[in-house]
PDB file of N, CA and C in Angstrom:
ATOM      1  N   UNK A   1      -1.735 -22.801  10.388  1.00  0.00           N
ATOM      2  CA  UNK A   1      -0.493 -22.794  10.903  1.00  0.00           C
ATOM      3  C   UNK A   1       0.042 -21.367  11.048  1.00  0.00           C
ATOM      4  N   UNK A   2       0.613 -20.901  12.085  1.00  0.00           N
ATOM      5  CA  UNK A   2       1.138 -19.610  12.359  1.00  0.00           C
ATOM      6  C   UNK A   2       2.536 -19.589  11.683  1.00  0.00           C
ATOM      7  N   UNK A   3       2.803 -18.624  10.765  1.00  0.00           N
ATOM      8  CA  UNK A   3       4.075 -18.444  10.067  1.00  0.00           C
ATOM      9  C   UNK A   3       4.488 -17.051  10.303  1.00  0.00           C
ATOM     10  N   UNK A   4       5.437 -16.815  11.337  1.00  0.00           N
ATOM     11  CA  UNK A   4       5.892 -15.453  11.603  1.00  0.00           C
ATOM     12  C   UNK A   4       6.610 -14.863  10.326  1.00  0.00           C
ATOM     13  N   UNK A   5       7.369 -15.613   9.641  1.00  0.00           N
ATOM     14  CA  UNK A   5       8.123 -15.078   8.489  1.00  0.00           C
ATOM     15  C   UNK A   5       6.991 -14.607   7.429  1.00  0.00           C
ATOM     16  N   UNK A   6       6.016 -15.468   7.201  1.00  0.00           N
ATOM     17  CA  UNK A   6       4.990 -15.109   6.321  1.00  0.00           C
ATOM     18  C   UNK A   6       4.369 -13.770   6.613  1.00  0.00           C
ATOM     19  N   UNK A   7       4.060 -13.587   7.920  1.00  0.00           N
ATOM     20  CA  UNK A   7       3.431 -12.298   8.334  1.00  0.00           C
ATOM     21  C   UNK A   7       4.378 -11.119   8.149  1.00  0.00           C
ATOM     22  N   UNK A   8       5.696 -11.374   8.406  1.00  0.00           N
ATOM     23  CA  UNK A   8       6.684 -10.284   8.211  1.00  0.00           C
ATOM     24  C   UNK A   8       6.720  -9.960   6.776  1.00  0.00           C
ATOM     25  N   UNK A   9       6.646 -10.907   5.848  1.00  0.00           N
ATOM     26  CA  UNK A   9       6.693 -10.686   4.379  1.00  0.00           C
ATOM     27  C   UNK A   9       5.404  -9.937   4.015  1.00  0.00           C
ATOM     28  N   UNK A  10       4.286 -10.167   4.566  1.00  0.00           N
ATOM     29  CA  UNK A  10       3.118  -9.418   4.256  1.00  0.00           C
ATOM     30  C   UNK A  10       3.350  -7.959   4.697  1.00  0.00           C
ATOM     31  N   UNK A  11       3.977  -7.740   5.737  1.00  0.00           N
ATOM     32  CA  UNK A  11       4.247  -6.362   6.232  1.00  0.00           C
ATOM     33  C   UNK A  11       5.281  -5.700   5.264  1.00  0.00           C
ATOM     34  N   UNK A  12       6.246  -6.460   4.794  1.00  0.00           N
ATOM     35  CA  UNK A  12       7.179  -5.918   3.768  1.00  0.00           C
ATOM     36  C   UNK A  12       6.355  -5.537   2.511  1.00  0.00           C
ATOM     37  N   UNK A  13       5.485  -6.393   2.096  1.00  0.00           N
ATOM     38  CA  UNK A  13       4.603  -6.103   0.916  1.00  0.00           C
ATOM     39  C   UNK A  13       3.791  -4.782   1.112  1.00  0.00           C
ATOM     40  N   UNK A  14       3.224  -4.638   2.387  1.00  0.00           N
ATOM     41  CA  UNK A  14       2.530  -3.475   2.680  1.00  0.00           C
ATOM     42  C   UNK A  14       3.349  -2.203   2.547  1.00  0.00           C
ATOM     43  N   UNK A  15       4.575  -2.306   3.093  1.00  0.00           N
ATOM     44  CA  UNK A  15       5.478  -1.193   3.071  1.00  0.00           C
ATOM     45  C   UNK A  15       5.964  -0.773   1.638  1.00  0.00           C
ATOM     46  N   UNK A  16       6.155  -1.858   0.809  1.00  0.00           N
ATOM     47  CA  UNK A  16       6.418  -1.600  -0.586  1.00  0.00           C
ATOM     48  C   UNK A  16       5.265  -0.952  -1.354  1.00  0.00           C
ATOM     49  N   UNK A  17       4.060  -1.394  -1.062  1.00  0.00           N
ATOM     50  CA  UNK A  17       2.903  -0.766  -1.729  1.00  0.00           C
ATOM     51  C   UNK A  17       2.672   0.659  -1.223  1.00  0.00           C
ATOM     52  N   UNK A  18       2.815   0.896   0.028  1.00  0.00           N
ATOM     53  CA  UNK A  18       2.620   2.249   0.520  1.00  0.00           C
ATOM     54  C   UNK A  18       3.719   3.138   0.052  1.00  0.00           C
ATOM     55  N   UNK A  19       4.910   2.678  -0.086  1.00  0.00           N
ATOM     56  CA  UNK A  19       6.034   3.462  -0.632  1.00  0.00           C
ATOM     57  C   UNK A  19       5.753   3.765  -2.134  1.00  0.00           C
ATOM     58  N   UNK A  20       5.205   2.857  -2.843  1.00  0.00           N
ATOM     59  CA  UNK A  20       4.762   3.108  -4.229  1.00  0.00           C
ATOM     60  C   UNK A  20       3.765   4.199  -4.348  1.00  0.00           C
ATOM     61  N   UNK A  21       2.737   4.157  -3.462  1.00  0.00           N
ATOM     62  CA  UNK A  21       1.720   5.177  -3.494  1.00  0.00           C
ATOM     63  C   UNK A  21       2.266   6.596  -3.089  1.00  0.00           C
ATOM     64  N   UNK A  22       3.198   6.623  -2.203  1.00  0.00           N
ATOM     65  CA  UNK A  22       3.783   7.853  -1.782  1.00  0.00           C
ATOM     66  C   UNK A  22       4.589   8.429  -3.012  1.00  0.00           C
ATOM     67  N   UNK A  23       5.381   7.608  -3.637  1.00  0.00           N
ATOM     68  CA  UNK A  23       6.199   8.007  -4.764  1.00  0.00           C
ATOM     69  C   UNK A  23       5.392   8.555  -5.909  1.00  0.00           C
ATOM     70  N   UNK A  24       4.203   7.805  -6.254  1.00  0.00           N
ATOM     71  CA  UNK A  24       3.388   8.251  -7.255  1.00  0.00           C
ATOM     72  C   UNK A  24       2.649   9.589  -6.963  1.00  0.00           C
ATOM     73  N   UNK A  25       2.299   9.782  -5.670  1.00  0.00           N
ATOM     74  CA  UNK A  25       1.701  10.995  -5.212  1.00  0.00           C
ATOM     75  C   UNK A  25       2.705  12.191  -5.400  1.00  0.00           C
ATOM     76  N   UNK A  26       4.001  11.983  -5.005  1.00  0.00           N
ATOM     77  CA  UNK A  26       4.966  12.941  -5.213  1.00  0.00           C
ATOM     78  C   UNK A  26       5.160  13.318  -6.634  1.00  0.00           C
ATOM     79  N   UNK A  27       5.035  12.269  -7.566  1.00  0.00           N
ATOM     80  CA  UNK A  27       5.257  12.466  -8.974  1.00  0.00           C
ATOM     81  C   UNK A  27       4.205  13.464  -9.540  1.00  0.00           C
ATOM     82  N   UNK A  28       3.002  13.313  -9.075  1.00  0.00           N
ATOM     83  CA  UNK A  28       1.833  14.098  -9.721  1.00  0.00           C
ATOM     84  C   UNK A  28       1.589  15.418  -8.848  1.00  0.00           C
ATOM     85  N   UNK A  29       2.025  15.473  -7.645  1.00  0.00           N
ATOM     86  CA  UNK A  29       1.719  16.610  -6.848  1.00  0.00           C
ATOM     87  C   UNK A  29       2.264  17.945  -7.297  1.00  0.00           C
ATOM     88  N   UNK A  30       3.567  17.976  -7.806  1.00  0.00           N
ATOM     89  CA  UNK A  30       4.266  19.125  -8.207  1.00  0.00           C
ATOM     90  C   UNK A  30       4.364  19.207  -9.719  1.00  0.00           C
ATOM     91  N   UNK A  31       3.486  18.608 -10.405  1.00  0.00           N
ATOM     92  CA  UNK A  31       3.583  18.540 -11.869  1.00  0.00           C
ATOM     93  C   UNK A  31       2.464  19.338 -12.468  1.00  0.00           C
ATOM     94  N   UNK A  32       2.657  19.847 -13.663  1.00  0.00           N
ATOM     95  CA  UNK A  32       1.567  20.427 -14.381  1.00  0.00           C
ATOM     96  C   UNK A  32       0.536  19.468 -14.592  1.00  0.00           C
ATOM     97  N   UNK A  33      -0.595  19.864 -15.190  1.00  0.00           N
ATOM     98  CA  UNK A  33      -1.696  19.000 -15.455  1.00  0.00           C
ATOM     99  C   UNK A  33      -1.319  17.784 -16.296  1.00  0.00           C
ATOM    100  N   UNK A  34      -1.804  16.610 -15.960  1.00  0.00           N
ATOM    101  CA  UNK A  34      -1.592  15.432 -16.777  1.00  0.00           C
ATOM    102  C   UNK A  34      -2.961  15.049 -17.305  1.00  0.00           C
ATOM    103  N   UNK A  35      -2.944  14.872 -18.710  1.00  0.00           N
ATOM    104  CA  UNK A  35      -4.232  14.566 -19.280  1.00  0.00           C
ATOM    105  C   UNK A  35      -4.038  13.591 -20.427  1.00  0.00           C
ATOM    106  N   UNK A  36      -5.075  12.817 -20.597  1.00  0.00           N
ATOM    107  CA  UNK A  36      -5.189  11.933 -21.792  1.00  0.00           C
ATOM    108  C   UNK A  36      -5.129  12.669 -23.075  1.00  0.00           C
ATOM    109  N   UNK A  37      -5.699  13.941 -22.991  1.00  0.00           N
ATOM    110  CA  UNK A  37      -5.757  14.820 -24.122  1.00  0.00           C
ATOM    111  C   UNK A  37      -4.395  15.363 -24.548  1.00  0.00           C
ATOM    112  N   UNK A  38      -3.447  15.276 -23.657  1.00  0.00           N
ATOM    113  CA  UNK A  38      -2.123  15.818 -23.911  1.00  0.00           C
ATOM    114  C   UNK A  38      -1.043  14.663 -23.730  1.00  0.00           C
ATOM    115  N   UNK A  39      -0.930  13.880 -24.842  1.00  0.00           N
ATOM    116  CA  UNK A  39       0.027  12.668 -24.738  1.00  0.00           C
ATOM    117  C   UNK A  39       1.430  13.077 -24.257  1.00  0.00           C
ATOM    118  N   UNK A  40       1.957  14.253 -24.629  1.00  0.00           N
ATOM    119  CA  UNK A  40       3.229  14.677 -24.161  1.00  0.00           C
ATOM    120  C   UNK A  40       3.346  14.724 -22.620  1.00  0.00           C
ATOM    121  N   UNK A  41       2.275  15.125 -21.973  1.00  0.00           N
ATOM    122  CA  UNK A  41       2.266  15.193 -20.522  1.00  0.00           C
ATOM    123  C   UNK A  41       2.356  13.773 -19.927  1.00  0.00           C
ATOM    124  N   UNK A  42       1.795  12.817 -20.583  1.00  0.00           N
ATOM    125  CA  UNK A  42       1.800  11.491 -20.111  1.00  0.00           C
ATOM    126  C   UNK A  42       3.206  10.844 -20.316  1.00  0.00           C
ATOM    127  N   UNK A  43       3.846  11.175 -21.337  1.00  0.00           N
ATOM    128  CA  UNK A  43       5.218  10.756 -21.637  1.00  0.00           C
ATOM    129  C   UNK A  43       6.144  11.292 -20.667  1.00  0.00           C
ATOM    130  N   UNK A  44       6.016  12.642 -20.330  1.00  0.00           N
ATOM    131  CA  UNK A  44       6.852  13.267 -19.263  1.00  0.00           C
ATOM    132  C   UNK A  44       6.609  12.568 -17.926  1.00  0.00           C
ATOM    133  N   UNK A  45       5.336  12.290 -17.661  1.00  0.00           N
ATOM    134  CA  UNK A  45       5.059  11.658 -16.325  1.00  0.00           C
ATOM    135  C   UNK A  45       5.663  10.241 -16.297  1.00  0.00           C
ATOM    136  N   UNK A  46       5.616   9.530 -17.342  1.00  0.00           N
ATOM    137  CA  UNK A  46       6.135   8.161 -17.401  1.00  0.00           C
ATOM    138  C   UNK A  46       7.572   8.118 -17.101  1.00  0.00           C
ATOM    139  N   UNK A  47       8.363   9.215 -17.429  1.00  0.00           N
ATOM    140  CA  UNK A  47       9.812   9.213 -17.203  1.00  0.00           C
ATOM    141  C   UNK A  47      10.150   9.908 -15.939  1.00  0.00           C
ATOM    142  N   UNK A  48       9.170  10.348 -15.200  1.00  0.00           N
ATOM    143  CA  UNK A  48       9.440  11.042 -13.911  1.00  0.00           C
ATOM    144  C   UNK A  48      10.139  10.067 -12.937  1.00  0.00           C
ATOM    145  N   UNK A  49      11.242  10.455 -12.319  1.00  0.00           N
ATOM    146  CA  UNK A  49      11.895   9.555 -11.415  1.00  0.00           C
ATOM    147  C   UNK A  49      10.994   9.012 -10.303  1.00  0.00           C
ATOM    148  N   UNK A  50      10.057   9.761  -9.787  1.00  0.00           N
ATOM    149  CA  UNK A  50       9.125   9.305  -8.721  1.00  0.00           C
ATOM    150  C   UNK A  50       8.235   8.194  -9.304  1.00  0.00           C
ATOM    151  N   UNK A  51       7.732   8.436 -10.535  1.00  0.00           N
ATOM    152  CA  UNK A  51       6.975   7.296 -11.192  1.00  0.00           C
ATOM    153  C   UNK A  51       7.762   6.007 -11.293  1.00  0.00           C
ATOM    154  N   UNK A  52       8.953   6.187 -11.750  1.00  0.00           N
ATOM    155  CA  UNK A  52       9.847   5.003 -11.993  1.00  0.00           C
ATOM    156  C   UNK A  52      10.059   4.356 -10.621  1.00  0.00           C
ATOM    157  N   UNK A  53      10.333   5.156  -9.591  1.00  0.00           N
ATOM    158  CA  UNK A  53      10.469   4.513  -8.206  1.00  0.00           C
ATOM    159  C   UNK A  53       9.179   3.791  -7.763  1.00  0.00           C
ATOM    160  N   UNK A  54       8.077   4.467  -7.974  1.00  0.00           N
ATOM    161  CA  UNK A  54       6.781   3.885  -7.519  1.00  0.00           C
ATOM    162  C   UNK A  54       6.493   2.563  -8.327  1.00  0.00           C
ATOM    163  N   UNK A  55       6.739   2.537  -9.586  1.00  0.00           N
ATOM    164  CA  UNK A  55       6.527   1.304 -10.389  1.00  0.00           C
ATOM    165  C   UNK A  55       7.540   0.269  -9.959  1.00  0.00           C
ATOM    166  N   UNK A  56       8.788   0.591  -9.649  1.00  0.00           N
ATOM    167  CA  UNK A  56       9.754  -0.363  -9.132  1.00  0.00           C
ATOM    168  C   UNK A  56       9.392  -0.993  -7.835  1.00  0.00           C
ATOM    169  N   UNK A  57       8.854  -0.112  -6.965  1.00  0.00           N
ATOM    170  CA  UNK A  57       8.351  -0.675  -5.711  1.00  0.00           C
ATOM    171  C   UNK A  57       7.188  -1.660  -5.848  1.00  0.00           C
ATOM    172  N   UNK A  58       6.361  -1.323  -6.818  1.00  0.00           N
ATOM    173  CA  UNK A  58       5.215  -2.229  -7.088  1.00  0.00           C
ATOM    174  C   UNK A  58       5.684  -3.549  -7.650  1.00  0.00           C
ATOM    175  N   UNK A  59       6.698  -3.511  -8.533  1.00  0.00           N
ATOM    176  CA  UNK A  59       7.362  -4.698  -9.013  1.00  0.00           C
ATOM    177  C   UNK A  59       7.929  -5.588  -7.935  1.00  0.00           C
ATOM    178  N   UNK A  60       8.659  -4.900  -7.055  1.00  0.00           N
ATOM    179  CA  UNK A  60       9.245  -5.639  -5.873  1.00  0.00           C
ATOM    180  C   UNK A  60       8.175  -6.235  -5.067  1.00  0.00           C
ATOM    181  N   UNK A  61       7.111  -5.517  -4.854  1.00  0.00           N
ATOM    182  CA  UNK A  61       5.907  -6.022  -4.169  1.00  0.00           C
ATOM    183  C   UNK A  61       5.260  -7.249  -4.743  1.00  0.00           C
ATOM    184  N   UNK A  62       5.162  -7.293  -6.034  1.00  0.00           N
ATOM    185  CA  UNK A  62       4.609  -8.475  -6.724  1.00  0.00           C
ATOM    186  C   UNK A  62       5.537  -9.740  -6.465  1.00  0.00           C
ATOM    187  N   UNK A  63       6.829  -9.518  -6.516  1.00  0.00           N
ATOM    188  CA  UNK A  63       7.784 -10.673  -6.282  1.00  0.00           C
ATOM    189  C   UNK A  63       7.603 -11.107  -4.865  1.00  0.00           C
ATOM    190  N   UNK A  64       7.577 -10.127  -3.935  1.00  0.00           N
ATOM    191  CA  UNK A  64       7.353 -10.508  -2.498  1.00  0.00           C
ATOM    192  C   UNK A  64       6.021 -11.229  -2.289  1.00  0.00           C
ATOM    193  N   UNK A  65       4.983 -10.755  -3.057  1.00  0.00           N
ATOM    194  CA  UNK A  65       3.694 -11.354  -2.833  1.00  0.00           C
ATOM    195  C   UNK A  65       3.617 -12.888  -3.272  1.00  0.00           C
ATOM    196  N   UNK A  66       4.387 -13.148  -4.317  1.00  0.00           N
ATOM    197  CA  UNK A  66       4.520 -14.540  -4.697  1.00  0.00           C
ATOM    198  C   UNK A  66       5.077 -15.407  -3.641  1.00  0.00           C
ATOM    199  N   UNK A  67       5.965 -14.934  -2.809  1.00  0.00           N
ATOM    200  CA  UNK A  67       6.591 -15.625  -1.731  1.00  0.00           C
ATOM    201  C   UNK A  67       5.538 -15.763  -0.593  1.00  0.00           C
ATOM    202  N   UNK A  68       4.840 -14.680  -0.338  1.00  0.00           N
ATOM    203  CA  UNK A  68       3.794 -14.650   0.629  1.00  0.00           C
ATOM    204  C   UNK A  68       2.742 -15.719   0.370  1.00  0.00           C
ATOM    205  N   UNK A  69       2.242 -15.786  -0.870  1.00  0.00           N
ATOM    206  CA  UNK A  69       1.322 -16.747  -1.240  1.00  0.00           C
ATOM    207  C   UNK A  69       1.667 -18.195  -1.106  1.00  0.00           C
ATOM    208  N   UNK A  70       3.016 -18.452  -1.215  1.00  0.00           N
ATOM    209  CA  UNK A  70       3.548 -19.760  -0.983  1.00  0.00           C
ATOM    210  C   UNK A  70       3.426 -20.133   0.459  1.00  0.00           C
ATOM    211  N   UNK A  71       3.590 -19.160   1.313  1.00  0.00           N
ATOM    212  CA  UNK A  71       3.738 -19.410   2.775  1.00  0.00           C
ATOM    213  C   UNK A  71       2.379 -19.305   3.517  1.00  0.00           C
ATOM    214  N   UNK A  72       1.454 -18.432   3.086  1.00  0.00           N
ATOM    215  CA  UNK A  72       0.219 -18.232   3.904  1.00  0.00           C
ATOM    216  C   UNK A  72      -1.008 -18.505   3.053  1.00  0.00           C
ATOM    217  N   UNK A  73      -2.080 -18.798   3.736  1.00  0.00           N
ATOM    218  CA  UNK A  73      -3.371 -18.894   3.117  1.00  0.00           C
ATOM    219  C   UNK A  73      -3.774 -17.543   2.517  1.00  0.00           C
ATOM    220  N   UNK A  74      -4.389 -17.607   1.290  1.00  0.00           N
ATOM    221  CA  UNK A  74      -4.817 -16.377   0.657  1.00  0.00           C
ATOM    222  C   UNK A  74      -5.837 -15.654   1.473  1.00  0.00           C
ATOM    223  N   UNK A  75      -6.723 -16.411   2.139  1.00  0.00           N
ATOM    224  CA  UNK A  75      -7.743 -15.808   3.042  1.00  0.00           C
ATOM    225  C   UNK A  75      -7.193 -15.061   4.208  1.00  0.00           C
ATOM    226  N   UNK A  76      -5.947 -15.291   4.586  1.00  0.00           N
ATOM    227  CA  UNK A  76      -5.326 -14.540   5.662  1.00  0.00           C
ATOM    228  C   UNK A  76      -4.494 -13.456   5.023  1.00  0.00           C
ATOM    229  N   UNK A  77      -3.667 -13.768   4.055  1.00  0.00           N
ATOM    230  CA  UNK A  77      -2.647 -12.864   3.539  1.00  0.00           C
ATOM    231  C   UNK A  77      -3.303 -11.685   2.928  1.00  0.00           C
ATOM    232  N   UNK A  78      -4.303 -11.848   2.027  1.00  0.00           N
ATOM    233  CA  UNK A  78      -4.828 -10.704   1.239  1.00  0.00           C
ATOM    234  C   UNK A  78      -5.514  -9.665   2.271  1.00  0.00           C
ATOM    235  N   UNK A  79      -6.336 -10.159   3.140  1.00  0.00           N
ATOM    236  CA  UNK A  79      -6.933  -9.204   4.102  1.00  0.00           C
ATOM    237  C   UNK A  79      -5.918  -8.438   4.940  1.00  0.00           C
ATOM    238  N   UNK A  80      -4.758  -9.089   5.232  1.00  0.00           N
ATOM    239  CA  UNK A  80      -3.726  -8.411   6.020  1.00  0.00           C
ATOM    240  C   UNK A  80      -3.195  -7.224   5.279  1.00  0.00           C
ATOM    241  N   UNK A  81      -3.263  -7.193   3.943  1.00  0.00           N
ATOM    242  CA  UNK A  81      -2.796  -6.148   3.147  1.00  0.00           C
ATOM    243  C   UNK A  81      -3.568  -4.860   3.522  1.00  0.00           C
ATOM    244  N   UNK A  82      -4.737  -4.961   4.097  1.00  0.00           N
ATOM    245  CA  UNK A  82      -5.456  -3.790   4.508  1.00  0.00           C
ATOM    246  C   UNK A  82      -4.701  -2.853   5.593  1.00  0.00           C
ATOM    247  N   UNK A  83      -3.702  -3.372   6.121  1.00  0.00           N
ATOM    248  CA  UNK A  83      -2.785  -2.559   6.970  1.00  0.00           C
ATOM    249  C   UNK A  83      -2.229  -1.473   6.102  1.00  0.00           C
ATOM    250  N   UNK A  84      -2.086  -1.638   4.803  1.00  0.00           N
ATOM    251  CA  UNK A  84      -1.659  -0.548   3.899  1.00  0.00           C
ATOM    252  C   UNK A  84      -2.504   0.680   3.935  1.00  0.00           C
ATOM    253  N   UNK A  85      -3.865   0.464   4.162  1.00  0.00           N
ATOM    254  CA  UNK A  85      -4.775   1.615   4.198  1.00  0.00           C
ATOM    255  C   UNK A  85      -4.385   2.446   5.418  1.00  0.00           C
ATOM    256  N   UNK A  86      -4.049   1.929   6.546  1.00  0.00           N
ATOM    257  CA  UNK A  86      -3.647   2.586   7.693  1.00  0.00           C
ATOM    258  C   UNK A  86      -2.397   3.390   7.408  1.00  0.00           C
ATOM    259  N   UNK A  87      -1.356   2.685   6.914  1.00  0.00           N
ATOM    260  CA  UNK A  87      -0.143   3.386   6.634  1.00  0.00           C
ATOM    261  C   UNK A  87      -0.173   4.436   5.561  1.00  0.00           C
ATOM    262  N   UNK A  88      -1.054   4.200   4.551  1.00  0.00           N
ATOM    263  CA  UNK A  88      -1.234   5.195   3.566  1.00  0.00           C
ATOM    264  C   UNK A  88      -1.987   6.419   4.051  1.00  0.00           C
ATOM    265  N   UNK A  89      -2.977   6.206   4.963  1.00  0.00           N
ATOM    266  CA  UNK A  89      -3.610   7.322   5.547  1.00  0.00           C
ATOM    267  C   UNK A  89      -2.663   8.172   6.366  1.00  0.00           C
ATOM    268  N   UNK A  90      -1.829   7.545   7.220  1.00  0.00           N
ATOM    269  CA  UNK A  90      -0.835   8.262   7.982  1.00  0.00           C
ATOM    270  C   UNK A  90       0.178   8.998   7.110  1.00  0.00           C
ATOM    271  N   UNK A  91       0.589   8.403   6.039  1.00  0.00           N
ATOM    272  CA  UNK A  91       1.527   9.038   5.080  1.00  0.00           C
ATOM    273  C   UNK A  91       0.838  10.266   4.479  1.00  0.00           C
ATOM    274  N   UNK A  92      -0.435  10.041   4.098  1.00  0.00           N
ATOM    275  CA  UNK A  92      -1.114  11.210   3.427  1.00  0.00           C
ATOM    276  C   UNK A  92      -1.203  12.400   4.414  1.00  0.00           C
ATOM    277  N   UNK A  93      -1.519  12.134   5.715  1.00  0.00           N
ATOM    278  CA  UNK A  93      -1.596  13.211   6.682  1.00  0.00           C
ATOM    279  C   UNK A  93      -0.243  13.812   6.890  1.00  0.00           C
ATOM    280  N   UNK A  94       0.843  12.906   7.058  1.00  0.00           N
ATOM    281  CA  UNK A  94       2.176  13.336   7.445  1.00  0.00           C
ATOM    282  C   UNK A  94       2.743  14.169   6.306  1.00  0.00           C
ATOM    283  N   UNK A  95       2.821  13.583   5.094  1.00  0.00           N
ATOM    284  CA  UNK A  95       3.553  14.207   4.035  1.00  0.00           C
ATOM    285  C   UNK A  95       2.791  15.197   3.144  1.00  0.00           C
ATOM    286  N   UNK A  96       1.484  14.936   3.095  1.00  0.00           N
ATOM    287  CA  UNK A  96       0.683  15.801   2.135  1.00  0.00           C
ATOM    288  C   UNK A  96      -0.329  16.586   2.794  1.00  0.00           C
ATOM    289  N   UNK A  97      -0.433  16.545   4.137  1.00  0.00           N
ATOM    290  CA  UNK A  97      -1.301  17.435   4.909  1.00  0.00           C
ATOM    291  C   UNK A  97      -2.749  17.219   4.571  1.00  0.00           C
ATOM    292  N   UNK A  98      -3.082  15.870   4.340  1.00  0.00           N
ATOM    293  CA  UNK A  98      -4.467  15.491   4.031  1.00  0.00           C
ATOM    294  C   UNK A  98      -5.321  15.576   5.341  1.00  0.00           C
ATOM    295  N   UNK A  99      -6.586  15.719   5.120  1.00  0.00           N
ATOM    296  CA  UNK A  99      -7.566  15.901   6.287  1.00  0.00           C
ATOM    297  C   UNK A  99      -7.684  14.653   7.184  1.00  0.00           C
ATOM    298  N   UNK A 100      -7.808  14.929   8.390  1.00  0.00           N
ATOM    299  CA  UNK A 100      -8.193  13.872   9.392  1.00  0.00           C
ATOM    300  C   UNK A 100      -9.506  14.255   9.899  1.00  0.00           C
ATOM    301  N   UNK A 101     -10.365  13.197   9.798  1.00  0.00           N
ATOM    302  CA  UNK A 101     -11.809  13.377  10.172  1.00  0.00           C
ATOM    303  C   UNK A 101     -12.150  12.224  11.094  1.00  0.00           C
ATOM    304  N   UNK A 102     -13.236  12.409  11.879  1.00  0.00           N
ATOM    305  CA  UNK A 102     -13.737  11.357  12.763  1.00  0.00           C
ATOM    306  C   UNK A 102     -14.035  10.152  12.005  1.00  0.00           C
ATOM    307  N   UNK A 103     -14.697  10.334  10.800  1.00  0.00           N
ATOM    308  CA  UNK A 103     -15.058   9.229  10.025  1.00  0.00           C
ATOM    309  C   UNK A 103     -13.861   8.421   9.534  1.00  0.00           C
ATOM    310  N   UNK A 104     -12.842   9.079   9.120  1.00  0.00           N
ATOM    311  CA  UNK A 104     -11.648   8.365   8.756  1.00  0.00           C
ATOM    312  C   UNK A 104     -10.916   7.683   9.918  1.00  0.00           C
ATOM    313  N   UNK A 105     -10.966   8.284  11.101  1.00  0.00           N
ATOM    314  CA  UNK A 105     -10.373   7.590  12.279  1.00  0.00           C
ATOM    315  C   UNK A 105     -11.205   6.380  12.609  1.00  0.00           C
ATOM    316  N   UNK A 106     -12.522   6.420  12.539  1.00  0.00           N
ATOM    317  CA  UNK A 106     -13.352   5.267  12.813  1.00  0.00           C
ATOM    318  C   UNK A 106     -13.065   4.208  11.762  1.00  0.00           C
ATOM    319  N   UNK A 107     -12.845   4.559  10.565  1.00  0.00           N
ATOM    320  CA  UNK A 107     -12.524   3.563   9.468  1.00  0.00           C
ATOM    321  C   UNK A 107     -11.291   2.889   9.839  1.00  0.00           C
ATOM    322  N   UNK A 108     -10.271   3.623  10.187  1.00  0.00           N
ATOM    323  CA  UNK A 108      -8.964   3.051  10.540  1.00  0.00           C
ATOM    324  C   UNK A 108      -9.117   2.052  11.705  1.00  0.00           C
ATOM    325  N   UNK A 109      -9.857   2.472  12.664  1.00  0.00           N
ATOM    326  CA  UNK A 109     -10.176   1.591  13.833  1.00  0.00           C
ATOM    327  C   UNK A 109     -10.781   0.258  13.449  1.00  0.00           C
ATOM    328  N   UNK A 110     -11.786   0.372  12.565  1.00  0.00           N
ATOM    329  CA  UNK A 110     -12.369  -0.895  12.047  1.00  0.00           C
ATOM    330  C   UNK A 110     -11.347  -1.790  11.409  1.00  0.00           C
ATOM    331  N   UNK A 111     -10.514  -1.196  10.636  1.00  0.00           N
ATOM    332  CA  UNK A 111      -9.445  -1.949   9.934  1.00  0.00           C
ATOM    333  C   UNK A 111      -8.557  -2.714  10.993  1.00  0.00           C
ATOM    334  N   UNK A 112      -8.161  -1.910  12.017  1.00  0.00           N
ATOM    335  CA  UNK A 112      -7.253  -2.443  13.050  1.00  0.00           C
ATOM    336  C   UNK A 112      -7.955  -3.571  13.725  1.00  0.00           C
ATOM    337  N   UNK A 113      -9.258  -3.385  14.086  1.00  0.00           N
ATOM    338  CA  UNK A 113     -10.005  -4.569  14.719  1.00  0.00           C
ATOM    339  C   UNK A 113      -9.996  -5.802  13.777  1.00  0.00           C
ATOM    340  N   UNK A 114     -10.261  -5.495  12.492  1.00  0.00           N
ATOM    341  CA  UNK A 114     -10.270  -6.652  11.576  1.00  0.00           C
ATOM    342  C   UNK A 114      -9.024  -7.421  11.483  1.00  0.00           C
ATOM    343  N   UNK A 115      -7.872  -6.665  11.450  1.00  0.00           N
ATOM    344  CA  UNK A 115      -6.556  -7.262  11.303  1.00  0.00           C
ATOM    345  C   UNK A 115      -6.299  -8.041  12.639  1.00  0.00           C
ATOM    346  N   UNK A 116      -6.685  -7.614  13.712  1.00  0.00           N
ATOM    347  CA  UNK A 116      -6.526  -8.304  14.939  1.00  0.00           C
ATOM    348  C   UNK A 116      -7.281  -9.651  14.958  1.00  0.00           C
ATOM    349  N   UNK A 117      -8.541  -9.534  14.486  1.00  0.00           N
ATOM    350  CA  UNK A 117      -9.374 -10.708  14.475  1.00  0.00           C
ATOM    351  C   UNK A 117      -8.766 -11.713  13.419  1.00  0.00           C
ATOM    352  N   UNK A 118      -8.207 -11.251  12.331  1.00  0.00           N
ATOM    353  CA  UNK A 118      -7.705 -12.143  11.343  1.00  0.00           C
ATOM    354  C   UNK A 118      -6.471 -12.913  11.782  1.00  0.00           C
ATOM    355  N   UNK A 119      -5.676 -12.260  12.605  1.00  0.00           N
ATOM    356  CA  UNK A 119      -4.344 -12.905  13.049  1.00  0.00           C
ATOM    357  C   UNK A 119      -4.549 -13.908  14.267  1.00  0.00           C
ATOM    358  N   UNK A 120      -5.706 -13.922  14.803  1.00  0.00           N
ATOM    359  CA  UNK A 120      -5.975 -14.789  15.957  1.00  0.00           C
ATOM    360  C   UNK A 120      -5.968 -16.270  15.368  1.00  0.00           C
ATOM    361  N   UNK A 121      -5.517 -17.189  16.165  1.00  0.00           N
ATOM    362  CA  UNK A 121      -5.531 -18.574  15.674  1.00  0.00           C
ATOM    363  C   UNK A 121      -6.876 -19.078  15.423  1.00  0.00           C
ATOM    364  N   UNK A 122      -6.913 -19.956  14.450  1.00  0.00           N
ATOM    365  CA  UNK A 122      -8.323 -20.549  14.081  1.00  0.00           C
ATOM    366  C   UNK A 122      -8.509 -21.711  14.976  1.00  0.00           C
ATOM    367  N   UNK A 123      -9.746 -21.679  15.566  1.00  0.00           N
ATOM    368  CA  UNK A 123     -10.070 -22.844  16.463  1.00  0.00           C
ATOM    369  C   UNK A 123     -10.396 -24.074  15.648  1.00  0.00           C
ATOM    370  N   UNK A 124     -10.065 -25.242  16.099  1.00  0.00           N
ATOM    371  CA  UNK A 124     -10.263 -26.498  15.293  1.00  0.00           C
ATOM    372  C   UNK A 124     -11.765 -26.793  15.186  1.00  0.00           C
TER     373      UNK A 124
END
């Protein structure tokens, strides 16, 4: 059964997850080295506002995901989360100047085709 609200909630979950990744990247990008050998650096990182934001977004994502699982088949919902790879790639390029290569573009194209195939109605 096609559930537009369920699909919208998957997209909300994707955006929450991508936002969490961006926040965590901001947290570590401009910080001195973080190491298991330096527990103080881990404590400072744990209280970084970007880390707190990222973890909060992940928490909201989990709550959203529970609603998604109630509405959609797991076999549809979870693969649709792969849209996050596309948005994370774009965020990495936009905000962090990460490399764009032909291989990465092809990978994104494969994900897009997969998402299109997943959202097509199932034949009886």
